N, C-alpha and C. Protein backbone atom coordinates (compact mmCIF):
# COMPACT_ATOMS: atom_id res chain seq x y z
N MET A 1 -13.53 5.39 -20.33
CA MET A 1 -14.57 5.87 -19.43
C MET A 1 -14.94 4.76 -18.46
N VAL A 2 -14.74 5.00 -17.17
CA VAL A 2 -15.13 4.06 -16.13
C VAL A 2 -16.16 4.75 -15.25
N ILE A 3 -17.37 4.19 -15.16
CA ILE A 3 -18.44 4.83 -14.43
C ILE A 3 -18.41 4.38 -12.98
N LYS A 4 -18.34 5.34 -12.07
CA LYS A 4 -18.43 5.07 -10.64
C LYS A 4 -19.74 5.67 -10.15
N SER A 5 -20.37 5.04 -9.16
CA SER A 5 -21.63 5.56 -8.64
C SER A 5 -21.40 6.87 -7.89
N LYS A 6 -22.48 7.65 -7.76
CA LYS A 6 -22.39 8.91 -7.01
C LYS A 6 -21.97 8.64 -5.56
N LYS A 7 -22.43 7.54 -5.00
CA LYS A 7 -22.10 7.23 -3.60
C LYS A 7 -20.59 6.96 -3.45
N ILE A 8 -20.01 6.20 -4.37
CA ILE A 8 -18.57 5.92 -4.31
C ILE A 8 -17.78 7.21 -4.49
N ILE A 9 -18.23 8.07 -5.41
CA ILE A 9 -17.55 9.36 -5.61
C ILE A 9 -17.62 10.19 -4.33
N LYS A 10 -18.81 10.26 -3.75
CA LYS A 10 -19.01 11.09 -2.55
C LYS A 10 -18.26 10.53 -1.34
N ASP A 11 -18.31 9.22 -1.15
CA ASP A 11 -17.76 8.61 0.07
C ASP A 11 -16.27 8.29 -0.01
N ILE A 12 -15.74 8.10 -1.22
CA ILE A 12 -14.34 7.67 -1.35
C ILE A 12 -13.51 8.66 -2.17
N TYR A 13 -13.88 8.87 -3.42
CA TYR A 13 -13.02 9.63 -4.32
C TYR A 13 -12.90 11.10 -3.94
N PHE A 14 -14.03 11.73 -3.65
CA PHE A 14 -13.96 13.16 -3.29
C PHE A 14 -13.19 13.39 -2.00
N PRO A 15 -13.49 12.67 -0.92
CA PRO A 15 -12.72 12.90 0.32
C PRO A 15 -11.22 12.63 0.16
N LEU A 16 -10.86 11.59 -0.57
CA LEU A 16 -9.44 11.25 -0.69
C LEU A 16 -8.71 12.21 -1.63
N ALA A 17 -9.36 12.62 -2.71
CA ALA A 17 -8.68 13.48 -3.68
C ALA A 17 -8.70 14.95 -3.28
N ILE A 18 -9.75 15.40 -2.62
CA ILE A 18 -9.91 16.82 -2.33
C ILE A 18 -9.64 17.13 -0.86
N ASN A 19 -10.38 16.51 0.04
CA ASN A 19 -10.25 16.84 1.46
C ASN A 19 -8.88 16.44 2.02
N ARG A 20 -8.47 15.21 1.74
CA ARG A 20 -7.21 14.74 2.29
C ARG A 20 -6.02 15.49 1.71
N GLU A 21 -6.10 15.88 0.45
CA GLU A 21 -5.00 16.62 -0.18
C GLU A 21 -5.08 18.12 0.07
N LYS A 22 -6.13 18.54 0.82
CA LYS A 22 -6.28 19.95 1.22
C LYS A 22 -6.27 20.89 0.00
N ILE A 23 -7.08 20.55 -0.99
CA ILE A 23 -7.20 21.40 -2.17
C ILE A 23 -8.08 22.60 -1.80
N ALA A 24 -7.54 23.80 -1.97
CA ALA A 24 -8.21 25.02 -1.54
C ALA A 24 -9.35 25.40 -2.48
N PRO A 25 -10.40 26.05 -1.95
CA PRO A 25 -11.46 26.57 -2.81
C PRO A 25 -10.88 27.51 -3.87
N LEU A 26 -11.58 27.62 -5.00
CA LEU A 26 -11.19 28.43 -6.15
C LEU A 26 -10.05 27.80 -6.96
N ALA A 27 -9.60 26.62 -6.56
CA ALA A 27 -8.56 25.93 -7.33
C ALA A 27 -9.09 25.56 -8.71
N LYS A 28 -8.18 25.52 -9.68
CA LYS A 28 -8.53 25.05 -11.03
C LYS A 28 -8.26 23.56 -11.10
N LEU A 29 -9.30 22.82 -11.45
CA LEU A 29 -9.25 21.36 -11.38
C LEU A 29 -9.65 20.75 -12.72
N LEU A 30 -8.84 19.81 -13.20
CA LEU A 30 -9.14 19.08 -14.43
C LEU A 30 -9.33 17.61 -14.10
N ASP A 31 -10.50 17.06 -14.46
CA ASP A 31 -10.76 15.63 -14.32
C ASP A 31 -10.69 15.00 -15.71
N VAL A 32 -9.72 14.13 -15.91
CA VAL A 32 -9.50 13.49 -17.21
C VAL A 32 -10.21 12.14 -17.21
N GLY A 33 -11.07 11.93 -18.20
CA GLY A 33 -11.91 10.74 -18.19
C GLY A 33 -13.06 10.94 -17.23
N CYS A 34 -13.72 12.09 -17.34
CA CYS A 34 -14.70 12.53 -16.32
C CYS A 34 -16.00 11.76 -16.35
N ALA A 35 -16.22 10.91 -17.36
CA ALA A 35 -17.42 10.07 -17.47
C ALA A 35 -18.68 10.93 -17.36
N PHE A 36 -19.57 10.63 -16.41
CA PHE A 36 -20.85 11.33 -16.31
C PHE A 36 -20.76 12.60 -15.46
N GLY A 37 -19.56 12.97 -15.03
CA GLY A 37 -19.38 14.24 -14.34
C GLY A 37 -19.71 14.25 -12.86
N TYR A 38 -19.88 13.08 -12.25
CA TYR A 38 -20.26 13.05 -10.84
C TYR A 38 -19.20 13.70 -9.95
N PHE A 39 -17.93 13.36 -10.17
CA PHE A 39 -16.86 13.93 -9.36
C PHE A 39 -16.81 15.45 -9.54
N LEU A 40 -16.91 15.91 -10.77
CA LEU A 40 -16.88 17.35 -11.04
C LEU A 40 -18.06 18.05 -10.38
N GLY A 41 -19.21 17.39 -10.35
CA GLY A 41 -20.39 17.97 -9.70
C GLY A 41 -20.14 18.27 -8.24
N TYR A 42 -19.49 17.34 -7.53
CA TYR A 42 -19.16 17.59 -6.12
C TYR A 42 -18.13 18.71 -5.99
N CYS A 43 -17.19 18.75 -6.93
CA CYS A 43 -16.17 19.81 -6.89
C CYS A 43 -16.78 21.18 -7.13
N ASP A 44 -17.80 21.25 -8.00
CA ASP A 44 -18.50 22.52 -8.24
C ASP A 44 -19.05 23.09 -6.93
N LYS A 45 -19.61 22.22 -6.10
CA LYS A 45 -20.24 22.67 -4.86
C LYS A 45 -19.24 23.28 -3.88
N TYR A 46 -17.97 22.92 -4.04
CA TYR A 46 -16.93 23.44 -3.16
C TYR A 46 -16.23 24.67 -3.74
N GLY A 47 -16.74 25.16 -4.86
CA GLY A 47 -16.23 26.41 -5.39
C GLY A 47 -15.00 26.30 -6.26
N PHE A 48 -14.70 25.11 -6.76
CA PHE A 48 -13.56 24.96 -7.65
C PHE A 48 -13.92 25.43 -9.06
N LYS A 49 -12.92 25.85 -9.81
CA LYS A 49 -13.10 26.13 -11.24
C LYS A 49 -12.81 24.82 -11.95
N THR A 50 -13.85 24.21 -12.51
CA THR A 50 -13.75 22.81 -12.95
C THR A 50 -13.73 22.67 -14.47
N PHE A 51 -12.95 21.67 -14.90
CA PHE A 51 -12.81 21.32 -16.30
C PHE A 51 -12.83 19.79 -16.40
N GLY A 52 -13.39 19.28 -17.50
CA GLY A 52 -13.41 17.84 -17.68
C GLY A 52 -13.14 17.45 -19.12
N ILE A 53 -12.49 16.31 -19.27
CA ILE A 53 -12.23 15.72 -20.59
C ILE A 53 -12.84 14.33 -20.62
N GLU A 54 -13.51 14.03 -21.71
CA GLU A 54 -14.10 12.70 -21.88
C GLU A 54 -14.17 12.40 -23.37
N VAL A 55 -13.85 11.18 -23.76
CA VAL A 55 -13.85 10.81 -25.17
C VAL A 55 -15.24 10.44 -25.67
N SER A 56 -16.12 10.02 -24.76
CA SER A 56 -17.45 9.55 -25.14
C SER A 56 -18.44 10.72 -25.28
N LYS A 57 -19.06 10.82 -26.45
CA LYS A 57 -20.07 11.87 -26.69
C LYS A 57 -21.26 11.69 -25.76
N ASN A 58 -21.71 10.45 -25.59
CA ASN A 58 -22.85 10.17 -24.72
C ASN A 58 -22.55 10.58 -23.27
N ALA A 59 -21.35 10.27 -22.81
CA ALA A 59 -20.98 10.62 -21.43
C ALA A 59 -20.92 12.13 -21.25
N ILE A 60 -20.37 12.84 -22.22
CA ILE A 60 -20.29 14.30 -22.14
C ILE A 60 -21.69 14.90 -22.03
N GLU A 61 -22.62 14.39 -22.82
CA GLU A 61 -23.99 14.91 -22.78
C GLU A 61 -24.62 14.70 -21.40
N LYS A 62 -24.37 13.55 -20.80
CA LYS A 62 -24.89 13.29 -19.46
C LYS A 62 -24.18 14.14 -18.41
N ALA A 63 -22.88 14.33 -18.60
CA ALA A 63 -22.10 15.13 -17.64
C ALA A 63 -22.58 16.58 -17.59
N ARG A 64 -23.05 17.10 -18.71
CA ARG A 64 -23.52 18.48 -18.73
C ARG A 64 -24.70 18.71 -17.78
N LYS A 65 -25.41 17.63 -17.43
CA LYS A 65 -26.53 17.73 -16.49
C LYS A 65 -26.07 17.61 -15.04
N GLU A 66 -24.82 17.20 -14.83
CA GLU A 66 -24.31 16.95 -13.48
C GLU A 66 -23.34 18.03 -12.98
N THR A 67 -22.75 18.78 -13.91
CA THR A 67 -21.68 19.69 -13.51
C THR A 67 -21.72 20.97 -14.33
N ASN A 68 -21.19 22.02 -13.74
CA ASN A 68 -21.03 23.30 -14.44
C ASN A 68 -19.65 23.41 -15.09
N ALA A 69 -18.88 22.35 -15.03
CA ALA A 69 -17.50 22.38 -15.55
C ALA A 69 -17.48 22.67 -17.04
N LYS A 70 -16.36 23.23 -17.49
CA LYS A 70 -16.10 23.33 -18.93
C LYS A 70 -15.72 21.94 -19.39
N LEU A 71 -16.51 21.38 -20.29
CA LEU A 71 -16.30 20.00 -20.72
C LEU A 71 -15.82 19.96 -22.17
N PHE A 72 -14.88 19.04 -22.41
CA PHE A 72 -14.29 18.90 -23.74
C PHE A 72 -14.36 17.44 -24.15
N ARG A 73 -14.89 17.19 -25.35
CA ARG A 73 -14.80 15.84 -25.91
C ARG A 73 -13.45 15.75 -26.61
N HIS A 74 -12.60 14.90 -26.06
CA HIS A 74 -11.21 14.90 -26.53
C HIS A 74 -10.58 13.56 -26.18
N ASP A 75 -9.75 13.06 -27.07
CA ASP A 75 -8.99 11.83 -26.81
C ASP A 75 -7.66 12.22 -26.19
N VAL A 76 -7.47 11.88 -24.94
CA VAL A 76 -6.27 12.29 -24.21
C VAL A 76 -5.01 11.63 -24.76
N ASN A 77 -5.16 10.59 -25.58
CA ASN A 77 -3.99 10.03 -26.27
C ASN A 77 -3.32 11.08 -27.17
N ASN A 78 -4.07 12.11 -27.52
CA ASN A 78 -3.53 13.21 -28.32
C ASN A 78 -2.95 14.33 -27.46
N GLY A 79 -2.81 14.08 -26.17
CA GLY A 79 -2.23 15.07 -25.27
C GLY A 79 -3.27 15.95 -24.61
N LEU A 80 -2.79 16.93 -23.87
CA LEU A 80 -3.65 17.91 -23.20
C LEU A 80 -3.44 19.29 -23.82
N ASN A 81 -3.30 19.28 -25.14
CA ASN A 81 -2.97 20.52 -25.85
C ASN A 81 -4.09 21.55 -25.83
N LEU A 82 -5.23 21.22 -25.23
CA LEU A 82 -6.31 22.18 -25.04
C LEU A 82 -5.94 23.24 -24.00
N PHE A 83 -4.91 22.95 -23.21
CA PHE A 83 -4.59 23.79 -22.06
C PHE A 83 -3.15 24.28 -22.09
N GLU A 84 -2.96 25.47 -21.55
CA GLU A 84 -1.62 26.07 -21.53
C GLU A 84 -0.80 25.51 -20.38
N ASN A 85 0.47 25.83 -20.37
CA ASN A 85 1.39 25.40 -19.31
C ASN A 85 0.99 26.03 -17.98
N ASN A 86 1.28 25.31 -16.88
CA ASN A 86 1.16 25.86 -15.52
C ASN A 86 -0.22 26.44 -15.24
N TYR A 87 -1.27 25.72 -15.61
CA TYR A 87 -2.63 26.26 -15.53
C TYR A 87 -3.44 25.70 -14.35
N PHE A 88 -3.30 24.41 -14.07
CA PHE A 88 -4.16 23.75 -13.08
C PHE A 88 -3.48 23.58 -11.72
N ASP A 89 -4.33 23.56 -10.68
CA ASP A 89 -3.87 23.23 -9.33
C ASP A 89 -3.95 21.73 -9.07
N LEU A 90 -4.88 21.06 -9.76
CA LEU A 90 -5.08 19.63 -9.56
C LEU A 90 -5.55 18.99 -10.86
N VAL A 91 -4.96 17.84 -11.18
CA VAL A 91 -5.45 16.98 -12.27
C VAL A 91 -5.80 15.64 -11.65
N THR A 92 -7.00 15.15 -11.93
CA THR A 92 -7.39 13.81 -11.47
C THR A 92 -7.62 12.91 -12.68
N ALA A 93 -7.31 11.64 -12.50
CA ALA A 93 -7.52 10.64 -13.56
C ALA A 93 -7.79 9.31 -12.88
N PHE A 94 -9.06 8.98 -12.75
CA PHE A 94 -9.45 7.77 -12.04
C PHE A 94 -9.65 6.61 -13.01
N ASP A 95 -8.85 5.55 -12.83
CA ASP A 95 -8.95 4.34 -13.65
C ASP A 95 -8.92 4.67 -15.14
N LEU A 96 -7.90 5.43 -15.53
CA LEU A 96 -7.75 5.87 -16.91
C LEU A 96 -6.43 5.43 -17.52
N ILE A 97 -5.35 5.55 -16.77
CA ILE A 97 -4.00 5.42 -17.34
C ILE A 97 -3.76 4.04 -17.95
N GLU A 98 -4.44 3.03 -17.43
CA GLU A 98 -4.24 1.67 -17.95
C GLU A 98 -4.82 1.50 -19.36
N HIS A 99 -5.64 2.45 -19.81
CA HIS A 99 -6.26 2.38 -21.14
C HIS A 99 -5.48 3.17 -22.20
N LEU A 100 -4.48 3.94 -21.80
CA LEU A 100 -3.85 4.88 -22.71
C LEU A 100 -2.74 4.25 -23.56
N ASP A 101 -2.47 4.88 -24.70
CA ASP A 101 -1.39 4.41 -25.58
C ASP A 101 -0.02 4.62 -24.94
N SER A 102 0.15 5.76 -24.24
CA SER A 102 1.43 6.07 -23.60
C SER A 102 1.20 6.72 -22.24
N PRO A 103 1.19 5.93 -21.17
CA PRO A 103 1.06 6.51 -19.83
C PRO A 103 2.13 7.55 -19.52
N TYR A 104 3.35 7.34 -20.01
CA TYR A 104 4.43 8.30 -19.77
C TYR A 104 4.10 9.65 -20.42
N LYS A 105 3.65 9.62 -21.66
CA LYS A 105 3.28 10.87 -22.35
C LYS A 105 2.17 11.58 -21.60
N PHE A 106 1.19 10.83 -21.11
CA PHE A 106 0.09 11.43 -20.36
C PHE A 106 0.60 12.12 -19.09
N LEU A 107 1.46 11.45 -18.34
CA LEU A 107 1.98 12.04 -17.10
C LEU A 107 2.83 13.27 -17.39
N LYS A 108 3.59 13.24 -18.48
CA LYS A 108 4.37 14.42 -18.86
C LYS A 108 3.45 15.59 -19.19
N GLU A 109 2.33 15.31 -19.83
CA GLU A 109 1.36 16.35 -20.13
C GLU A 109 0.70 16.89 -18.85
N CYS A 110 0.41 16.00 -17.91
CA CYS A 110 -0.13 16.44 -16.61
C CYS A 110 0.87 17.37 -15.93
N HIS A 111 2.12 17.00 -15.97
CA HIS A 111 3.17 17.82 -15.36
C HIS A 111 3.22 19.19 -16.03
N ARG A 112 3.09 19.22 -17.33
CA ARG A 112 3.16 20.48 -18.07
C ARG A 112 2.03 21.43 -17.68
N VAL A 113 0.79 20.91 -17.58
CA VAL A 113 -0.36 21.80 -17.35
C VAL A 113 -0.55 22.16 -15.88
N LEU A 114 0.17 21.50 -14.99
CA LEU A 114 0.06 21.82 -13.56
C LEU A 114 0.94 23.00 -13.18
N LYS A 115 0.43 23.79 -12.23
CA LYS A 115 1.24 24.85 -11.64
C LYS A 115 2.32 24.23 -10.76
N ILE A 116 3.35 24.98 -10.44
CA ILE A 116 4.34 24.53 -9.47
C ILE A 116 3.61 24.29 -8.14
N GLY A 117 3.82 23.12 -7.56
CA GLY A 117 3.10 22.75 -6.33
C GLY A 117 1.77 22.09 -6.59
N GLY A 118 1.34 22.07 -7.88
CA GLY A 118 0.10 21.40 -8.22
C GLY A 118 0.23 19.89 -8.11
N LYS A 119 -0.90 19.21 -8.01
CA LYS A 119 -0.90 17.76 -7.79
C LYS A 119 -1.68 17.02 -8.86
N VAL A 120 -1.25 15.80 -9.13
CA VAL A 120 -2.03 14.86 -9.93
C VAL A 120 -2.42 13.71 -9.01
N VAL A 121 -3.71 13.36 -9.03
CA VAL A 121 -4.24 12.23 -8.26
C VAL A 121 -4.73 11.19 -9.25
N LEU A 122 -4.21 9.99 -9.13
CA LEU A 122 -4.47 8.97 -10.13
C LEU A 122 -4.76 7.63 -9.45
N THR A 123 -5.69 6.88 -10.03
CA THR A 123 -5.95 5.51 -9.58
C THR A 123 -5.85 4.57 -10.77
N THR A 124 -5.49 3.33 -10.48
CA THR A 124 -5.39 2.30 -11.51
C THR A 124 -5.40 0.92 -10.82
N PRO A 125 -5.81 -0.14 -11.52
CA PRO A 125 -5.75 -1.47 -10.91
C PRO A 125 -4.32 -1.82 -10.49
N ASN A 126 -4.22 -2.56 -9.41
CA ASN A 126 -2.93 -2.94 -8.84
C ASN A 126 -2.54 -4.35 -9.29
N LEU A 127 -1.51 -4.44 -10.12
CA LEU A 127 -1.03 -5.74 -10.60
C LEU A 127 -0.53 -6.62 -9.45
N GLY A 128 -0.14 -6.00 -8.35
CA GLY A 128 0.31 -6.76 -7.19
C GLY A 128 -0.79 -7.08 -6.19
N ALA A 129 -2.04 -6.92 -6.59
CA ALA A 129 -3.17 -7.12 -5.67
C ALA A 129 -3.28 -8.57 -5.20
N LEU A 130 -3.72 -8.72 -3.97
CA LEU A 130 -3.97 -10.05 -3.43
C LEU A 130 -4.97 -10.80 -4.29
N ALA A 131 -6.01 -10.13 -4.76
CA ALA A 131 -7.03 -10.78 -5.60
C ALA A 131 -6.41 -11.33 -6.88
N ARG A 132 -5.46 -10.60 -7.48
CA ARG A 132 -4.80 -11.08 -8.69
C ARG A 132 -3.99 -12.33 -8.41
N LEU A 133 -3.35 -12.36 -7.24
CA LEU A 133 -2.55 -13.53 -6.87
C LEU A 133 -3.44 -14.75 -6.62
N LEU A 134 -4.65 -14.50 -6.11
CA LEU A 134 -5.53 -15.60 -5.75
C LEU A 134 -6.31 -16.15 -6.95
N ILE A 135 -6.84 -15.25 -7.79
CA ILE A 135 -7.71 -15.73 -8.87
C ILE A 135 -7.04 -15.70 -10.24
N LYS A 136 -5.80 -15.23 -10.26
CA LYS A 136 -4.95 -15.30 -11.45
C LYS A 136 -5.63 -14.73 -12.70
N ASP A 137 -5.81 -15.53 -13.76
CA ASP A 137 -6.30 -15.04 -15.05
C ASP A 137 -7.74 -14.51 -15.01
N LYS A 138 -8.47 -14.82 -13.94
CA LYS A 138 -9.85 -14.34 -13.83
C LYS A 138 -9.92 -12.94 -13.21
N TRP A 139 -8.79 -12.42 -12.80
CA TRP A 139 -8.73 -11.08 -12.19
C TRP A 139 -9.20 -10.03 -13.20
N HIS A 140 -9.96 -9.03 -12.73
CA HIS A 140 -10.58 -8.05 -13.63
C HIS A 140 -9.55 -7.26 -14.45
N GLY A 141 -8.36 -7.05 -13.90
CA GLY A 141 -7.33 -6.32 -14.65
C GLY A 141 -6.92 -7.04 -15.91
N PHE A 142 -6.94 -8.36 -15.89
CA PHE A 142 -6.62 -9.16 -17.07
C PHE A 142 -7.82 -9.32 -18.00
N LYS A 143 -9.01 -9.39 -17.42
CA LYS A 143 -10.20 -9.68 -18.22
C LYS A 143 -10.66 -8.49 -19.05
N ASP A 144 -10.36 -7.28 -18.61
CA ASP A 144 -10.77 -6.09 -19.35
C ASP A 144 -9.87 -5.92 -20.57
N LYS A 145 -10.41 -6.16 -21.74
CA LYS A 145 -9.62 -6.14 -22.98
C LYS A 145 -9.20 -4.73 -23.39
N THR A 146 -9.75 -3.70 -22.74
CA THR A 146 -9.34 -2.33 -23.07
C THR A 146 -8.10 -1.90 -22.29
N HIS A 147 -7.64 -2.72 -21.36
CA HIS A 147 -6.42 -2.40 -20.61
C HIS A 147 -5.19 -2.65 -21.49
N LYS A 148 -4.33 -1.64 -21.59
CA LYS A 148 -3.09 -1.77 -22.37
C LYS A 148 -1.87 -1.90 -21.47
N TYR A 149 -1.96 -1.37 -20.26
CA TYR A 149 -0.85 -1.41 -19.30
C TYR A 149 -1.41 -1.71 -17.92
N LEU A 150 -0.63 -2.44 -17.14
CA LEU A 150 -0.96 -2.68 -15.73
C LEU A 150 0.29 -2.39 -14.91
N PHE A 151 0.08 -1.88 -13.70
CA PHE A 151 1.20 -1.41 -12.88
C PHE A 151 1.18 -2.04 -11.50
N THR A 152 2.37 -2.18 -10.95
CA THR A 152 2.54 -2.41 -9.51
C THR A 152 2.77 -1.04 -8.89
N PRO A 153 2.66 -0.92 -7.58
CA PRO A 153 2.97 0.38 -6.95
C PRO A 153 4.37 0.87 -7.31
N LYS A 154 5.35 -0.02 -7.33
CA LYS A 154 6.73 0.38 -7.61
C LYS A 154 6.90 0.85 -9.06
N SER A 155 6.29 0.15 -10.00
CA SER A 155 6.46 0.55 -11.40
C SER A 155 5.77 1.89 -11.67
N LEU A 156 4.62 2.14 -11.02
CA LEU A 156 3.94 3.41 -11.21
C LEU A 156 4.70 4.55 -10.52
N GLU A 157 5.27 4.27 -9.36
CA GLU A 157 6.10 5.26 -8.69
C GLU A 157 7.29 5.64 -9.58
N PHE A 158 7.91 4.66 -10.20
CA PHE A 158 9.03 4.91 -11.11
C PHE A 158 8.60 5.81 -12.26
N LEU A 159 7.44 5.52 -12.86
CA LEU A 159 6.95 6.30 -13.99
C LEU A 159 6.64 7.74 -13.57
N PHE A 160 6.05 7.91 -12.40
CA PHE A 160 5.77 9.25 -11.88
C PHE A 160 7.05 10.06 -11.71
N LYS A 161 8.05 9.43 -11.13
CA LYS A 161 9.32 10.14 -10.90
C LYS A 161 10.00 10.48 -12.22
N ARG A 162 9.96 9.58 -13.18
CA ARG A 162 10.53 9.84 -14.49
C ARG A 162 9.80 10.98 -15.21
N SER A 163 8.54 11.18 -14.85
CA SER A 163 7.73 12.23 -15.46
C SER A 163 7.92 13.58 -14.76
N GLY A 164 8.72 13.60 -13.70
CA GLY A 164 9.04 14.85 -13.02
C GLY A 164 8.30 15.09 -11.72
N PHE A 165 7.53 14.10 -11.24
CA PHE A 165 6.73 14.30 -10.04
C PHE A 165 7.46 13.84 -8.77
N LYS A 166 7.18 14.53 -7.68
CA LYS A 166 7.56 14.07 -6.35
C LYS A 166 6.36 13.29 -5.81
N ILE A 167 6.60 12.13 -5.23
CA ILE A 167 5.51 11.31 -4.71
C ILE A 167 5.06 11.84 -3.36
N VAL A 168 3.78 12.19 -3.29
CA VAL A 168 3.17 12.67 -2.04
C VAL A 168 2.51 11.53 -1.29
N ARG A 169 1.89 10.62 -2.05
CA ARG A 169 1.14 9.53 -1.42
C ARG A 169 1.12 8.35 -2.37
N LEU A 170 1.30 7.17 -1.82
CA LEU A 170 1.22 5.94 -2.62
C LEU A 170 0.69 4.83 -1.73
N GLU A 171 -0.49 4.34 -2.05
CA GLU A 171 -1.08 3.26 -1.25
C GLU A 171 -1.97 2.40 -2.12
N THR A 172 -2.36 1.27 -1.58
CA THR A 172 -3.21 0.34 -2.32
C THR A 172 -4.46 0.05 -1.48
N PRO A 173 -5.50 0.86 -1.64
CA PRO A 173 -6.66 0.77 -0.76
C PRO A 173 -7.42 -0.55 -0.84
N PHE A 174 -7.92 -0.95 0.33
CA PHE A 174 -8.91 -2.01 0.48
C PHE A 174 -10.21 -1.28 0.84
N HIS A 175 -10.93 -0.74 -0.14
CA HIS A 175 -12.05 0.15 0.14
C HIS A 175 -13.16 -0.43 1.01
N PRO A 176 -13.58 -1.68 0.82
CA PRO A 176 -14.77 -2.12 1.56
C PRO A 176 -14.51 -2.45 3.03
N LEU A 177 -13.26 -2.47 3.48
CA LEU A 177 -12.96 -2.94 4.83
C LEU A 177 -13.25 -1.88 5.89
N PRO A 178 -13.42 -2.31 7.16
CA PRO A 178 -13.67 -1.37 8.26
C PRO A 178 -12.52 -0.36 8.42
N LYS A 179 -12.86 0.85 8.87
CA LYS A 179 -11.88 1.94 8.96
C LYS A 179 -10.72 1.62 9.89
N PHE A 180 -10.96 0.88 10.97
CA PHE A 180 -9.91 0.66 11.95
C PHE A 180 -8.76 -0.20 11.42
N ILE A 181 -9.02 -1.01 10.38
CA ILE A 181 -7.97 -1.88 9.85
C ILE A 181 -7.40 -1.37 8.52
N LYS A 182 -8.14 -0.49 7.84
CA LYS A 182 -7.73 -0.03 6.51
C LYS A 182 -6.36 0.66 6.48
N PRO A 183 -6.04 1.56 7.43
CA PRO A 183 -4.74 2.26 7.32
C PRO A 183 -3.55 1.32 7.24
N PHE A 184 -3.60 0.20 7.97
CA PHE A 184 -2.50 -0.76 7.92
C PHE A 184 -2.51 -1.52 6.59
N LEU A 185 -3.67 -2.04 6.20
CA LEU A 185 -3.75 -2.86 5.00
C LEU A 185 -3.47 -2.05 3.73
N ASN A 186 -3.85 -0.77 3.73
CA ASN A 186 -3.63 0.06 2.54
C ASN A 186 -2.16 0.22 2.19
N LYS A 187 -1.28 -0.01 3.17
CA LYS A 187 0.16 0.17 2.95
C LYS A 187 0.88 -1.15 2.65
N THR A 188 0.12 -2.24 2.56
CA THR A 188 0.75 -3.54 2.33
C THR A 188 1.14 -3.75 0.87
N GLY A 189 0.54 -2.96 -0.04
CA GLY A 189 0.78 -3.17 -1.47
C GLY A 189 -0.12 -4.22 -2.08
N LEU A 190 -1.09 -4.73 -1.32
CA LEU A 190 -1.90 -5.86 -1.79
C LEU A 190 -3.34 -5.49 -2.13
N GLY A 191 -3.73 -4.21 -1.94
CA GLY A 191 -5.08 -3.78 -2.26
C GLY A 191 -5.34 -3.84 -3.76
N GLY A 192 -6.60 -3.77 -4.12
CA GLY A 192 -6.99 -3.94 -5.52
C GLY A 192 -6.72 -2.75 -6.42
N GLN A 193 -6.44 -1.61 -5.81
CA GLN A 193 -6.27 -0.38 -6.58
C GLN A 193 -5.01 0.34 -6.10
N ILE A 194 -4.32 0.98 -7.02
CA ILE A 194 -3.23 1.87 -6.64
C ILE A 194 -3.78 3.29 -6.59
N TRP A 195 -3.52 3.97 -5.50
CA TRP A 195 -3.90 5.38 -5.34
C TRP A 195 -2.59 6.14 -5.18
N ILE A 196 -2.29 7.01 -6.14
CA ILE A 196 -1.00 7.72 -6.12
C ILE A 196 -1.23 9.20 -6.33
N VAL A 197 -0.48 10.01 -5.57
CA VAL A 197 -0.53 11.46 -5.69
C VAL A 197 0.88 11.97 -5.94
N GLY A 198 1.04 12.71 -7.03
CA GLY A 198 2.32 13.32 -7.35
C GLY A 198 2.23 14.82 -7.32
N GLU A 199 3.31 15.47 -6.97
CA GLU A 199 3.35 16.94 -6.91
C GLU A 199 4.42 17.47 -7.85
N LYS A 200 4.08 18.52 -8.57
CA LYS A 200 5.04 19.16 -9.49
C LYS A 200 6.01 20.03 -8.71
């Protein structure tokens, strides 16, 4: 569970995951690792049929106050067996995959539950980030003891393709920078986060 503020969800995650990917109203959306439900709350307002998974009981209780989504307390390391094949239009997983026992198994499960043409939108720390190169062992990706895997853009692209996805988007955002310079820098591979979109 990684908690992002409502402002970050509203200003960054929702526009990039929903608006930019042109997710249509009434779509079925699953947010894995939904934390306090902020992202799902914004999705509710746009008319999506929303579902969330979170391992933390406390987070699920708070999320129920933020979203109308169907919420499940579930450890995704055990798969997405709560859902049938070809069910969702979109699966999101923000800063989750680095904590899992098997990222490959998780992506295969995402592929299974997505409809043909459905998308998975995922973020994770970027092992190739400029910050990691500069501050080395003090970089947050290394300091977080709950991280089991770290990826470069290329290694995550490889894993997505092996899981059956076509890559729609792959960039490494520099979120705090001015808009006029971000499009160039986001494609350098040096941003602190990997933002990847795969299509079934």
